[in-house]
């Protein structure tokens, strides 16, 4: 089965975060991109991520499992502050709650502070 990550990221700007689908001006647009292992078509994914970010969509990249390339997550998110690694999908809720800065950014719309203390083992440093 082909990797559809690039096309799904592209659809964020083209189809998901649009006025026709309910996106509003002045409201934060955040998408969580979860990947398992190294990216198959990374150049397409990075291009789609740049396009989404240029359209005002903040991407949080979360790698799941032991085979994730941490640098690739940073390329997707555009910053190491929004690039995470978790061991399994079951860890997602715990990690989101544990990282209060990410939780506030995604769920409450707070600004992501420049000097966020990184939780040990989950936020990529």
PDB file of N, CA and C in Angstrom:
ATOM      1  N   UNK A   1       0.844  -1.177   0.000  1.00  0.00           N
ATOM      2  CA  UNK A   1       0.000   0.000   0.000  1.00  0.00           C
ATOM      3  C   UNK A   1       0.891   1.243   0.000  1.00  0.00           C
ATOM      4  N   UNK A   2       0.674   2.186  -0.917  1.00  0.00           N
ATOM      5  CA  UNK A   2       1.522   3.370  -0.993  1.00  0.00           C
ATOM      6  C   UNK A   2       1.298   4.304   0.200  1.00  0.00           C
ATOM      7  N   UNK A   3       2.344   5.029   0.533  1.00  0.00           N
ATOM      8  CA  UNK A   3       2.289   6.015   1.605  1.00  0.00           C
ATOM      9  C   UNK A   3       1.477   7.220   1.127  1.00  0.00           C
ATOM     10  N   UNK A   4       0.486   7.613   1.886  1.00  0.00           N
ATOM     11  CA  UNK A   4      -0.386   8.712   1.487  1.00  0.00           C
ATOM     12  C   UNK A   4      -0.172   9.966   2.331  1.00  0.00           C
ATOM     13  N   UNK A   5       0.929  10.008   3.071  1.00  0.00           N
ATOM     14  CA  UNK A   5       1.169  11.130   3.972  1.00  0.00           C
ATOM     15  C   UNK A   5       1.227  12.454   3.213  1.00  0.00           C
ATOM     16  N   UNK A   6       1.939  12.519   2.109  1.00  0.00           N
ATOM     17  CA  UNK A   6       2.073  13.772   1.358  1.00  0.00           C
ATOM     18  C   UNK A   6       0.726  14.264   0.858  1.00  0.00           C
ATOM     19  N   UNK A   7      -0.077  13.383   0.280  1.00  0.00           N
ATOM     20  CA  UNK A   7      -1.370  13.820  -0.241  1.00  0.00           C
ATOM     21  C   UNK A   7      -2.313  14.238   0.882  1.00  0.00           C
ATOM     22  N   UNK A   8      -2.204  13.595   2.026  1.00  0.00           N
ATOM     23  CA  UNK A   8      -3.062  13.979   3.153  1.00  0.00           C
ATOM     24  C   UNK A   8      -2.660  15.330   3.723  1.00  0.00           C
ATOM     25  N   UNK A   9      -1.365  15.600   3.775  1.00  0.00           N
ATOM     26  CA  UNK A   9      -0.926  16.926   4.227  1.00  0.00           C
ATOM     27  C   UNK A   9      -1.359  17.980   3.208  1.00  0.00           C
ATOM     28  N   UNK A  10      -1.219  17.685   1.925  1.00  0.00           N
ATOM     29  CA  UNK A  10      -1.650  18.631   0.882  1.00  0.00           C
ATOM     30  C   UNK A  10      -3.130  18.943   0.985  1.00  0.00           C
ATOM     31  N   UNK A  11      -3.928  17.935   1.313  1.00  0.00           N
ATOM     32  CA  UNK A  11      -5.369  18.138   1.435  1.00  0.00           C
ATOM     33  C   UNK A  11      -5.747  19.057   2.589  1.00  0.00           C
ATOM     34  N   UNK A  12      -4.870  19.193   3.576  1.00  0.00           N
ATOM     35  CA  UNK A  12      -5.167  20.091   4.694  1.00  0.00           C
ATOM     36  C   UNK A  12      -5.431  21.502   4.190  1.00  0.00           C
ATOM     37  N   UNK A  13      -4.543  22.001   3.340  1.00  0.00           N
ATOM     38  CA  UNK A  13      -4.695  23.363   2.825  1.00  0.00           C
ATOM     39  C   UNK A  13      -5.753  23.439   1.732  1.00  0.00           C
ATOM     40  N   UNK A  14      -5.805  22.414   0.887  1.00  0.00           N
ATOM     41  CA  UNK A  14      -6.703  22.463  -0.268  1.00  0.00           C
ATOM     42  C   UNK A  14      -8.159  22.176   0.077  1.00  0.00           C
ATOM     43  N   UNK A  15      -8.393  21.294   1.062  1.00  0.00           N
ATOM     44  CA  UNK A  15      -9.761  20.838   1.297  1.00  0.00           C
ATOM     45  C   UNK A  15     -10.236  20.920   2.739  1.00  0.00           C
ATOM     46  N   UNK A  16      -9.332  20.820   3.699  1.00  0.00           N
ATOM     47  CA  UNK A  16      -9.757  20.707   5.094  1.00  0.00           C
ATOM     48  C   UNK A  16      -9.864  22.058   5.784  1.00  0.00           C
ATOM     49  N   UNK A  17      -8.797  22.842   5.752  1.00  0.00           N
ATOM     50  CA  UNK A  17      -8.782  24.135   6.441  1.00  0.00           C
ATOM     51  C   UNK A  17      -9.174  25.247   5.476  1.00  0.00           C
ATOM     52  N   UNK A  18     -10.397  25.196   4.994  1.00  0.00           N
ATOM     53  CA  UNK A  18     -10.908  26.214   4.077  1.00  0.00           C
ATOM     54  C   UNK A  18     -12.188  26.812   4.651  1.00  0.00           C
ATOM     55  N   UNK A  19     -12.563  27.979   4.157  1.00  0.00           N
ATOM     56  CA  UNK A  19     -13.801  28.619   4.610  1.00  0.00           C
ATOM     57  C   UNK A  19     -15.008  27.730   4.303  1.00  0.00           C
ATOM     58  N   UNK A  20     -14.961  27.015   3.183  1.00  0.00           N
ATOM     59  CA  UNK A  20     -16.070  26.126   2.812  1.00  0.00           C
ATOM     60  C   UNK A  20     -16.279  24.985   3.807  1.00  0.00           C
ATOM     61  N   UNK A  21     -15.211  24.596   4.497  1.00  0.00           N
ATOM     62  CA  UNK A  21     -15.330  23.500   5.461  1.00  0.00           C
ATOM     63  C   UNK A  21     -15.402  23.997   6.902  1.00  0.00           C
ATOM     64  N   UNK A  22     -15.544  25.314   7.068  1.00  0.00           N
ATOM     65  CA  UNK A  22     -15.744  25.867   8.413  1.00  0.00           C
ATOM     66  C   UNK A  22     -14.551  26.549   9.039  1.00  0.00           C
ATOM     67  N   UNK A  23     -13.414  26.601   8.351  1.00  0.00           N
ATOM     68  CA  UNK A  23     -12.250  27.304   8.906  1.00  0.00           C
ATOM     69  C   UNK A  23     -12.567  28.789   8.984  1.00  0.00           C
ATOM     70  N   UNK A  24     -12.186  29.418  10.089  1.00  0.00           N
ATOM     71  CA  UNK A  24     -12.484  30.832  10.298  1.00  0.00           C
ATOM     72  C   UNK A  24     -11.202  31.636  10.375  1.00  0.00           C
ATOM     73  N   UNK A  25     -11.289  32.881   9.935  1.00  0.00           N
ATOM     74  CA  UNK A  25     -10.145  33.797  10.050  1.00  0.00           C
ATOM     75  C   UNK A  25      -9.833  34.023  11.516  1.00  0.00           C
ATOM     76  N   UNK A  26      -8.567  34.107  11.816  1.00  0.00           N
ATOM     77  CA  UNK A  26      -8.152  34.403  13.174  1.00  0.00           C
ATOM     78  C   UNK A  26      -8.187  33.221  14.123  1.00  0.00           C
ATOM     79  N   UNK A  27      -8.587  32.069  13.630  1.00  0.00           N
ATOM     80  CA  UNK A  27      -8.619  30.868  14.469  1.00  0.00           C
ATOM     81  C   UNK A  27      -7.448  29.982  14.058  1.00  0.00           C
ATOM     82  N   UNK A  28      -6.710  29.529  15.042  1.00  0.00           N
ATOM     83  CA  UNK A  28      -5.518  28.716  14.811  1.00  0.00           C
ATOM     84  C   UNK A  28      -5.868  27.443  14.035  1.00  0.00           C
ATOM     85  N   UNK A  29      -5.040  27.145  13.059  1.00  0.00           N
ATOM     86  CA  UNK A  29      -5.181  25.926  12.270  1.00  0.00           C
ATOM     87  C   UNK A  29      -4.013  25.017  12.637  1.00  0.00           C
ATOM     88  N   UNK A  30      -4.330  23.908  13.301  1.00  0.00           N
ATOM     89  CA  UNK A  30      -3.304  22.983  13.769  1.00  0.00           C
ATOM     90  C   UNK A  30      -3.658  21.582  13.291  1.00  0.00           C
ATOM     91  N   UNK A  31      -2.673  20.886  12.757  1.00  0.00           N
ATOM     92  CA  UNK A  31      -2.864  19.497  12.348  1.00  0.00           C
ATOM     93  C   UNK A  31      -1.778  18.653  12.988  1.00  0.00           C
ATOM     94  N   UNK A  32      -2.164  17.489  13.445  1.00  0.00           N
ATOM     95  CA  UNK A  32      -1.212  16.535  14.001  1.00  0.00           C
ATOM     96  C   UNK A  32      -0.950  15.478  12.939  1.00  0.00           C
ATOM     97  N   UNK A  33       0.319  15.348  12.559  1.00  0.00           N
ATOM     98  CA  UNK A  33       0.740  14.374  11.554  1.00  0.00           C
ATOM     99  C   UNK A  33       1.473  13.259  12.290  1.00  0.00           C
ATOM    100  N   UNK A  34       0.941  12.051  12.203  1.00  0.00           N
ATOM    101  CA  UNK A  34       1.562  10.911  12.877  1.00  0.00           C
ATOM    102  C   UNK A  34       2.143   9.972  11.832  1.00  0.00           C
ATOM    103  N   UNK A  35       3.402   9.580  12.046  1.00  0.00           N
ATOM    104  CA  UNK A  35       4.077   8.677  11.118  1.00  0.00           C
ATOM    105  C   UNK A  35       4.700   7.526  11.895  1.00  0.00           C
ATOM    106  N   UNK A  36       4.853   6.412  11.208  1.00  0.00           N
ATOM    107  CA  UNK A  36       5.497   5.217  11.779  1.00  0.00           C
ATOM    108  C   UNK A  36       6.704   4.892  10.931  1.00  0.00           C
ATOM    109  N   UNK A  37       7.874   5.065  11.486  1.00  0.00           N
ATOM    110  CA  UNK A  37       9.086   4.692  10.771  1.00  0.00           C
ATOM    111  C   UNK A  37       9.553   5.750   9.804  1.00  0.00           C
ATOM    112  N   UNK A  38      10.630   5.440   9.065  1.00  0.00           N
ATOM    113  CA  UNK A  38      11.187   6.389   8.106  1.00  0.00           C
ATOM    114  C   UNK A  38      10.183   6.668   6.980  1.00  0.00           C
ATOM    115  N   UNK A  39      10.241   7.879   6.447  1.00  0.00           N
ATOM    116  CA  UNK A  39       9.319   8.277   5.378  1.00  0.00           C
ATOM    117  C   UNK A  39       9.768   7.695   4.048  1.00  0.00           C
ATOM    118  N   UNK A  40       8.810   7.197   3.277  1.00  0.00           N
ATOM    119  CA  UNK A  40       9.117   6.606   1.972  1.00  0.00           C
ATOM    120  C   UNK A  40       9.331   7.660   0.896  1.00  0.00           C
ATOM    121  N   UNK A  41       8.514   8.677   0.905  1.00  0.00           N
ATOM    122  CA  UNK A  41       8.581   9.719  -0.131  1.00  0.00           C
ATOM    123  C   UNK A  41       8.787  11.072   0.536  1.00  0.00           C
ATOM    124  N   UNK A  42       9.888  11.191   1.261  1.00  0.00           N
ATOM    125  CA  UNK A  42      10.104  12.344   2.126  1.00  0.00           C
ATOM    126  C   UNK A  42      10.113  13.666   1.386  1.00  0.00           C
ATOM    127  N   UNK A  43      10.641  13.751   0.181  1.00  0.00           N
ATOM    128  CA  UNK A  43      10.671  15.042  -0.519  1.00  0.00           C
ATOM    129  C   UNK A  43       9.253  15.534  -0.808  1.00  0.00           C
ATOM    130  N   UNK A  44       8.359  14.631  -1.186  1.00  0.00           N
ATOM    131  CA  UNK A  44       6.954  15.002  -1.413  1.00  0.00           C
ATOM    132  C   UNK A  44       6.301  15.434  -0.106  1.00  0.00           C
ATOM    133  N   UNK A  45       6.606  14.740   0.959  1.00  0.00           N
ATOM    134  CA  UNK A  45       6.039  15.066   2.269  1.00  0.00           C
ATOM    135  C   UNK A  45       6.556  16.420   2.739  1.00  0.00           C
ATOM    136  N   UNK A  46       7.849  16.679   2.588  1.00  0.00           N
ATOM    137  CA  UNK A  46       8.408  17.958   3.016  1.00  0.00           C
ATOM    138  C   UNK A  46       7.823  19.104   2.200  1.00  0.00           C
ATOM    139  N   UNK A  47       7.626  18.888   0.902  1.00  0.00           N
ATOM    140  CA  UNK A  47       7.026  19.918   0.041  1.00  0.00           C
ATOM    141  C   UNK A  47       5.590  20.199   0.491  1.00  0.00           C
ATOM    142  N   UNK A  48       4.825  19.160   0.760  1.00  0.00           N
ATOM    143  CA  UNK A  48       3.442  19.334   1.221  1.00  0.00           C
ATOM    144  C   UNK A  48       3.403  20.046   2.574  1.00  0.00           C
ATOM    145  N   UNK A  49       4.344  19.707   3.448  1.00  0.00           N
ATOM    146  CA  UNK A  49       4.398  20.347   4.766  1.00  0.00           C
ATOM    147  C   UNK A  49       4.726  21.831   4.627  1.00  0.00           C
ATOM    148  N   UNK A  50       5.675  22.180   3.768  1.00  0.00           N
ATOM    149  CA  UNK A  50       6.005  23.596   3.542  1.00  0.00           C
ATOM    150  C   UNK A  50       4.795  24.345   3.017  1.00  0.00           C
ATOM    151  N   UNK A  51       4.061  23.722   2.092  1.00  0.00           N
ATOM    152  CA  UNK A  51       2.878  24.367   1.526  1.00  0.00           C
ATOM    153  C   UNK A  51       1.806  24.577   2.595  1.00  0.00           C
ATOM    154  N   UNK A  52       1.571  23.576   3.415  1.00  0.00           N
ATOM    155  CA  UNK A  52       0.577  23.710   4.495  1.00  0.00           C
ATOM    156  C   UNK A  52       0.971  24.827   5.449  1.00  0.00           C
ATOM    157  N   UNK A  53       2.246  24.866   5.826  1.00  0.00           N
ATOM    158  CA  UNK A  53       2.717  25.910   6.747  1.00  0.00           C
ATOM    159  C   UNK A  53       2.607  27.286   6.108  1.00  0.00           C
ATOM    160  N   UNK A  54       2.860  27.386   4.801  1.00  0.00           N
ATOM    161  CA  UNK A  54       2.735  28.692   4.130  1.00  0.00           C
ATOM    162  C   UNK A  54       1.280  29.144   4.059  1.00  0.00           C
ATOM    163  N   UNK A  55       0.362  28.210   4.217  1.00  0.00           N
ATOM    164  CA  UNK A  55      -1.074  28.533   4.267  1.00  0.00           C
ATOM    165  C   UNK A  55      -1.567  28.748   5.701  1.00  0.00           C
ATOM    166  N   UNK A  56      -0.641  28.874   6.640  1.00  0.00           N
ATOM    167  CA  UNK A  56      -1.009  29.184   8.012  1.00  0.00           C
ATOM    168  C   UNK A  56      -1.381  27.993   8.872  1.00  0.00           C
ATOM    169  N   UNK A  57      -1.072  26.795   8.423  1.00  0.00           N
ATOM    170  CA  UNK A  57      -1.384  25.585   9.194  1.00  0.00           C
ATOM    171  C   UNK A  57      -0.145  25.180   9.979  1.00  0.00           C
ATOM    172  N   UNK A  58      -0.272  25.089  11.293  1.00  0.00           N
ATOM    173  CA  UNK A  58       0.830  24.630  12.139  1.00  0.00           C
ATOM    174  C   UNK A  58       0.772  23.111  12.190  1.00  0.00           C
ATOM    175  N   UNK A  59       1.890  22.466  11.929  1.00  0.00           N
ATOM    176  CA  UNK A  59       1.955  21.010  11.930  1.00  0.00           C
ATOM    177  C   UNK A  59       2.705  20.515  13.151  1.00  0.00           C
ATOM    178  N   UNK A  60       2.082  19.602  13.869  1.00  0.00           N
ATOM    179  CA  UNK A  60       2.720  18.898  14.973  1.00  0.00           C
ATOM    180  C   UNK A  60       3.042  17.510  14.434  1.00  0.00           C
ATOM    181  N   UNK A  61       4.324  17.152  14.424  1.00  0.00           N
ATOM    182  CA  UNK A  61       4.750  15.860  13.882  1.00  0.00           C
ATOM    183  C   UNK A  61       5.031  14.899  15.033  1.00  0.00           C
ATOM    184  N   UNK A  62       4.373  13.752  14.989  1.00  0.00           N
ATOM    185  CA  UNK A  62       4.557  12.742  16.030  1.00  0.00           C
ATOM    186  C   UNK A  62       4.957  11.434  15.358  1.00  0.00           C
ATOM    187  N   UNK A  63       6.122  10.946  15.738  1.00  0.00           N
ATOM    188  CA  UNK A  63       6.602   9.663  15.245  1.00  0.00           C
ATOM    189  C   UNK A  63       6.268   8.585  16.250  1.00  0.00           C
ATOM    190  N   UNK A  64       5.762   7.467  15.756  1.00  0.00           N
ATOM    191  CA  UNK A  64       5.325   6.374  16.618  1.00  0.00           C
ATOM    192  C   UNK A  64       6.204   5.153  16.365  1.00  0.00           C
ATOM    193  N   UNK A  65       6.771   4.612  17.440  1.00  0.00           N
ATOM    194  CA  UNK A  65       7.549   3.386  17.328  1.00  0.00           C
ATOM    195  C   UNK A  65       9.044   3.629  17.279  1.00  0.00           C
ATOM    196  N   UNK A  66       9.795   2.534  17.186  1.00  0.00           N
ATOM    197  CA  UNK A  66      11.257   2.617  17.311  1.00  0.00           C
ATOM    198  C   UNK A  66      11.995   3.048  16.046  1.00  0.00           C
ATOM    199  N   UNK A  67      11.354   3.023  14.894  1.00  0.00           N
ATOM    200  CA  UNK A  67      12.060   3.264  13.635  1.00  0.00           C
ATOM    201  C   UNK A  67      11.840   4.649  13.054  1.00  0.00           C
ATOM    202  N   UNK A  68      11.491   5.601  13.885  1.00  0.00           N
ATOM    203  CA  UNK A  68      11.190   6.951  13.423  1.00  0.00           C
ATOM    204  C   UNK A  68      12.485   7.736  13.237  1.00  0.00           C
ATOM    205  N   UNK A  69      12.559   8.505  12.151  1.00  0.00           N
ATOM    206  CA  UNK A  69      13.693   9.377  11.902  1.00  0.00           C
ATOM    207  C   UNK A  69      13.370  10.744  12.502  1.00  0.00           C
ATOM    208  N   UNK A  70      14.084  11.125  13.550  1.00  0.00           N
ATOM    209  CA  UNK A  70      13.785  12.350  14.271  1.00  0.00           C
ATOM    210  C   UNK A  70      13.969  13.604  13.422  1.00  0.00           C
ATOM    211  N   UNK A  71      14.956  13.604  12.557  1.00  0.00           N
ATOM    212  CA  UNK A  71      15.176  14.748  11.670  1.00  0.00           C
ATOM    213  C   UNK A  71      13.981  14.945  10.733  1.00  0.00           C
ATOM    214  N   UNK A  72      13.405  13.857  10.249  1.00  0.00           N
ATOM    215  CA  UNK A  72      12.249  13.961   9.363  1.00  0.00           C
ATOM    216  C   UNK A  72      11.061  14.602  10.081  1.00  0.00           C
ATOM    217  N   UNK A  73      10.886  14.279  11.353  1.00  0.00           N
ATOM    218  CA  UNK A  73       9.804  14.897  12.116  1.00  0.00           C
ATOM    219  C   UNK A  73       9.993  16.404  12.214  1.00  0.00           C
ATOM    220  N   UNK A  74      11.234  16.820  12.426  1.00  0.00           N
ATOM    221  CA  UNK A  74      11.517  18.263  12.501  1.00  0.00           C
ATOM    222  C   UNK A  74      11.242  18.950  11.168  1.00  0.00           C
ATOM    223  N   UNK A  75      11.557  18.278  10.058  1.00  0.00           N
ATOM    224  CA  UNK A  75      11.270  18.862   8.748  1.00  0.00           C
ATOM    225  C   UNK A  75       9.768  19.035   8.543  1.00  0.00           C
ATOM    226  N   UNK A  76       8.988  18.080   8.986  1.00  0.00           N
ATOM    227  CA  UNK A  76       7.532  18.183   8.832  1.00  0.00           C
ATOM    228  C   UNK A  76       6.995  19.337   9.666  1.00  0.00           C
ATOM    229  N   UNK A  77       7.374  19.407  10.931  1.00  0.00           N
ATOM    230  CA  UNK A  77       6.820  20.423  11.830  1.00  0.00           C
ATOM    231  C   UNK A  77       7.443  21.799  11.615  1.00  0.00           C
ATOM    232  N   UNK A  78       8.672  21.835  11.142  1.00  0.00           N
ATOM    233  CA  UNK A  78       9.358  23.103  10.970  1.00  0.00           C
ATOM    234  C   UNK A  78      10.115  23.551  12.206  1.00  0.00           C
ATOM    235  N   UNK A  79       9.945  22.844  13.322  1.00  0.00           N
ATOM    236  CA  UNK A  79      10.634  23.182  14.558  1.00  0.00           C
ATOM    237  C   UNK A  79      10.706  21.961  15.452  1.00  0.00           C
ATOM    238  N   UNK A  80      11.763  21.860  16.211  1.00  0.00           N
ATOM    239  CA  UNK A  80      11.875  20.707  17.102  1.00  0.00           C
ATOM    240  C   UNK A  80      10.873  20.782  18.243  1.00  0.00           C
ATOM    241  N   UNK A  81      10.352  21.976  18.523  1.00  0.00           N
ATOM    242  CA  UNK A  81       9.372  22.115  19.598  1.00  0.00           C
ATOM    243  C   UNK A  81       8.048  21.430  19.273  1.00  0.00           C
ATOM    244  N   UNK A  82       7.790  21.205  17.995  1.00  0.00           N
ATOM    245  CA  UNK A  82       6.536  20.569  17.588  1.00  0.00           C
ATOM    246  C   UNK A  82       6.785  19.201  16.963  1.00  0.00           C
ATOM    247  N   UNK A  83       7.926  18.599  17.280  1.00  0.00           N
ATOM    248  CA  UNK A  83       8.276  17.269  16.783  1.00  0.00           C
ATOM    249  C   UNK A  83       8.433  16.342  17.983  1.00  0.00           C
ATOM    250  N   UNK A  84       7.611  15.292  18.022  1.00  0.00           N
ATOM    251  CA  UNK A  84       7.571  14.386  19.162  1.00  0.00           C
ATOM    252  C   UNK A  84       7.807  12.947  18.726  1.00  0.00           C
ATOM    253  N   UNK A  85       8.277  12.163  19.666  1.00  0.00           N
ATOM    254  CA  UNK A  85       8.402  10.722  19.451  1.00  0.00           C
ATOM    255  C   UNK A  85       7.715  10.017  20.613  1.00  0.00           C
ATOM    256  N   UNK A  86       6.885   9.033  20.290  1.00  0.00           N
ATOM    257  CA  UNK A  86       6.265   8.195  21.313  1.00  0.00           C
ATOM    258  C   UNK A  86       6.513   6.739  20.948  1.00  0.00           C
ATOM    259  N   UNK A  87       6.503   5.895  21.954  1.00  0.00           N
ATOM    260  CA  UNK A  87       6.787   4.477  21.718  1.00  0.00           C
ATOM    261  C   UNK A  87       5.635   3.749  21.038  1.00  0.00           C
ATOM    262  N   UNK A  88       4.390   4.148  21.369  1.00  0.00           N
ATOM    263  CA  UNK A  88       3.223   3.459  20.793  1.00  0.00           C
ATOM    264  C   UNK A  88       2.040   4.416  20.777  1.00  0.00           C
ATOM    265  N   UNK A  89       1.011   4.055  20.026  1.00  0.00           N
ATOM    266  CA  UNK A  89      -0.196   4.882  19.980  1.00  0.00           C
ATOM    267  C   UNK A  89      -0.854   4.987  21.352  1.00  0.00           C
ATOM    268  N   UNK A  90      -0.698   3.984  22.175  1.00  0.00           N
ATOM    269  CA  UNK A  90      -1.270   4.016  23.514  1.00  0.00           C
ATOM    270  C   UNK A  90      -0.642   5.121  24.363  1.00  0.00           C
ATOM    271  N   UNK A  91       0.575   5.543  24.028  1.00  0.00           N
ATOM    272  CA  UNK A  91       1.261   6.585  24.782  1.00  0.00           C
ATOM    273  C   UNK A  91       0.826   7.993  24.388  1.00  0.00           C
ATOM    274  N   UNK A  92       0.062   8.135  23.318  1.00  0.00           N
ATOM    275  CA  UNK A  92      -0.263   9.463  22.792  1.00  0.00           C
ATOM    276  C   UNK A  92      -0.952  10.351  23.829  1.00  0.00           C
ATOM    277  N   UNK A  93      -2.010   9.884  24.457  1.00  0.00           N
ATOM    278  CA  UNK A  93      -2.730  10.709  25.437  1.00  0.00           C
ATOM    279  C   UNK A  93      -1.838  11.100  26.599  1.00  0.00           C
ATOM    280  N   UNK A  94      -1.047  10.172  27.111  1.00  0.00           N
ATOM    281  CA  UNK A  94      -0.156  10.474  28.225  1.00  0.00           C
ATOM    282  C   UNK A  94       0.878  11.526  27.849  1.00  0.00           C
ATOM    283  N   UNK A  95       1.456  11.402  26.667  1.00  0.00           N
ATOM    284  CA  UNK A  95       2.473  12.360  26.237  1.00  0.00           C
ATOM    285  C   UNK A  95       1.867  13.739  25.999  1.00  0.00           C
ATOM    286  N   UNK A  96       0.682  13.789  25.420  1.00  0.00           N
ATOM    287  CA  UNK A  96       0.031  15.074  25.172  1.00  0.00           C
ATOM    288  C   UNK A  96      -0.273  15.773  26.485  1.00  0.00           C
ATOM    289  N   UNK A  97      -0.759  15.039  27.460  1.00  0.00           N
ATOM    290  CA  UNK A  97      -1.035  15.625  28.768  1.00  0.00           C
ATOM    291  C   UNK A  97       0.249  16.039  29.476  1.00  0.00           C
ATOM    292  N   UNK A  98       1.287  15.242  29.340  1.00  0.00           N
ATOM    293  CA  UNK A  98       2.542  15.514  30.031  1.00  0.00           C
ATOM    294  C   UNK A  98       3.230  16.759  29.487  1.00  0.00           C
ATOM    295  N   UNK A  99       3.106  16.983  28.214  1.00  0.00           N
ATOM    296  CA  UNK A  99       3.696  18.178  27.621  1.00  0.00           C
ATOM    297  C   UNK A  99       2.673  19.305  27.662  1.00  0.00           C
ATOM    298  N   UNK A 100       2.635  20.021  28.750  1.00  0.00           N
ATOM    299  CA  UNK A 100       1.622  21.063  28.938  1.00  0.00           C
ATOM    300  C   UNK A 100       1.688  22.144  27.868  1.00  0.00           C
ATOM    301  N   UNK A 101       2.876  22.475  27.415  1.00  0.00           N
ATOM    302  CA  UNK A 101       2.993  23.507  26.393  1.00  0.00           C
ATOM    303  C   UNK A 101       2.322  23.066  25.092  1.00  0.00           C
ATOM    304  N   UNK A 102       2.559  21.819  24.687  1.00  0.00           N
ATOM    305  CA  UNK A 102       1.919  21.321  23.470  1.00  0.00           C
ATOM    306  C   UNK A 102       0.420  21.215  23.669  1.00  0.00           C
ATOM    307  N   UNK A 103      -0.003  20.724  24.809  1.00  0.00           N
ATOM    308  CA  UNK A 103      -1.427  20.595  25.105  1.00  0.00           C
ATOM    309  C   UNK A 103      -2.108  21.965  25.031  1.00  0.00           C
ATOM    310  N   UNK A 104      -1.502  22.978  25.642  1.00  0.00           N
ATOM    311  CA  UNK A 104      -2.080  24.321  25.625  1.00  0.00           C
ATOM    312  C   UNK A 104      -2.116  24.885  24.217  1.00  0.00           C
ATOM    313  N   UNK A 105      -1.067  24.603  23.442  1.00  0.00           N
ATOM    314  CA  UNK A 105      -1.002  25.095  22.070  1.00  0.00           C
ATOM    315  C   UNK A 105      -2.080  24.454  21.205  1.00  0.00           C
ATOM    316  N   UNK A 106      -2.189  23.137  21.275  1.00  0.00           N
ATOM    317  CA  UNK A 106      -3.136  22.422  20.420  1.00  0.00           C
ATOM    318  C   UNK A 106      -4.572  22.582  20.903  1.00  0.00           C
ATOM    319  N   UNK A 107      -4.799  22.423  22.188  1.00  0.00           N
ATOM    320  CA  UNK A 107      -6.163  22.351  22.698  1.00  0.00           C
ATOM    321  C   UNK A 107      -6.742  23.692  23.149  1.00  0.00           C
ATOM    322  N   UNK A 108      -5.897  24.604  23.581  1.00  0.00           N
ATOM    323  CA  UNK A 108      -6.404  25.871  24.105  1.00  0.00           C
ATOM    324  C   UNK A 108      -6.056  27.071  23.237  1.00  0.00           C
ATOM    325  N   UNK A 109      -5.166  26.897  22.279  1.00  0.00           N
ATOM    326  CA  UNK A 109      -4.795  28.004  21.409  1.00  0.00           C
ATOM    327  C   UNK A 109      -3.763  28.941  21.995  1.00  0.00           C
ATOM    328  N   UNK A 110      -3.101  28.544  23.091  1.00  0.00           N
ATOM    329  CA  UNK A 110      -2.053  29.374  23.677  1.00  0.00           C
ATOM    330  C   UNK A 110      -0.864  29.430  22.729  1.00  0.00           C
ATOM    331  N   UNK A 111      -0.047  30.455  22.900  1.00  0.00           N
ATOM    332  CA  UNK A 111       1.194  30.531  22.128  1.00  0.00           C
ATOM    333  C   UNK A 111       2.164  29.482  22.639  1.00  0.00           C
ATOM    334  N   UNK A 112       2.981  28.979  21.748  1.00  0.00           N
ATOM    335  CA  UNK A 112       3.977  27.988  22.139  1.00  0.00           C
ATOM    336  C   UNK A 112       5.209  28.745  22.591  1.00  0.00           C
ATOM    337  N   UNK A 113       5.590  28.643  23.874  1.00  0.00           N
ATOM    338  CA  UNK A 113       6.698  29.449  24.387  1.00  0.00           C
ATOM    339  C   UNK A 113       8.036  29.042  23.781  1.00  0.00           C
ATOM    340  N   UNK A 114       8.903  30.032  23.611  1.00  0.00           N
ATOM    341  CA  UNK A 114      10.225  29.784  23.038  1.00  0.00           C
ATOM    342  C   UNK A 114      11.093  28.941  23.959  1.00  0.00           C
ATOM    343  N   UNK A 115      10.933  29.097  25.255  1.00  0.00           N
ATOM    344  CA  UNK A 115      11.818  28.405  26.192  1.00  0.00           C
ATOM    345  C   UNK A 115      11.089  27.288  26.928  1.00  0.00           C
ATOM    346  N   UNK A 116      10.425  26.444  26.179  1.00  0.00           N
ATOM    347  CA  UNK A 116       9.692  25.345  26.771  1.00  0.00           C
ATOM    348  C   UNK A 116      10.646  24.280  27.301  1.00  0.00           C
ATOM    349  N   UNK A 117      10.446  23.874  28.544  1.00  0.00           N
ATOM    350  CA  UNK A 117      11.246  22.773  29.091  1.00  0.00           C
ATOM    351  C   UNK A 117      10.788  21.488  28.402  1.00  0.00           C
ATOM    352  N   UNK A 118      11.710  20.734  27.921  1.00  0.00           N
ATOM    353  CA  UNK A 118      11.378  19.533  27.166  1.00  0.00           C
ATOM    354  C   UNK A 118      11.158  18.357  28.104  1.00  0.00           C
ATOM    355  N   UNK A 119      10.019  17.656  27.977  1.00  0.00           N
ATOM    356  CA  UNK A 119       9.821  16.445  28.769  1.00  0.00           C
ATOM    357  C   UNK A 119      10.859  15.403  28.373  1.00  0.00           C
ATOM    358  N   UNK A 120      11.395  14.721  29.319  1.00  0.00           N
ATOM    359  CA  UNK A 120      12.440  13.750  29.017  1.00  0.00           C
ATOM    360  C   UNK A 120      11.904  12.622  28.159  1.00  0.00           C
ATOM    361  N   UNK A 121      12.607  12.334  27.078  1.00  0.00           N
ATOM    362  CA  UNK A 121      12.309  11.181  26.252  1.00  0.00           C
ATOM    363  C   UNK A 121      11.210  11.365  25.234  1.00  0.00           C
ATOM    364  N   UNK A 122      10.455  12.456  25.265  1.00  0.00           N
ATOM    365  CA  UNK A 122       9.372  12.556  24.307  1.00  0.00           C
ATOM    366  C   UNK A 122       9.563  13.690  23.329  1.00  0.00           C
ATOM    367  N   UNK A 123       9.941  14.854  23.779  1.00  0.00           N
ATOM    368  CA  UNK A 123      10.153  15.961  22.869  1.00  0.00           C
ATOM    369  C   UNK A 123      11.562  15.846  22.308  1.00  0.00           C
ATOM    370  N   UNK A 124      11.675  15.998  21.030  1.00  0.00           N
ATOM    371  CA  UNK A 124      12.955  15.820  20.367  1.00  0.00           C
ATOM    372  C   UNK A 124      13.815  17.043  20.605  1.00  0.00           C
ATOM    373  N   UNK A 125      15.032  16.822  21.027  1.00  0.00           N
ATOM    374  CA  UNK A 125      15.895  17.947  21.343  1.00  0.00           C
ATOM    375  C   UNK A 125      17.118  18.036  20.508  1.00  0.00           C
TER     376      UNK A 125
END
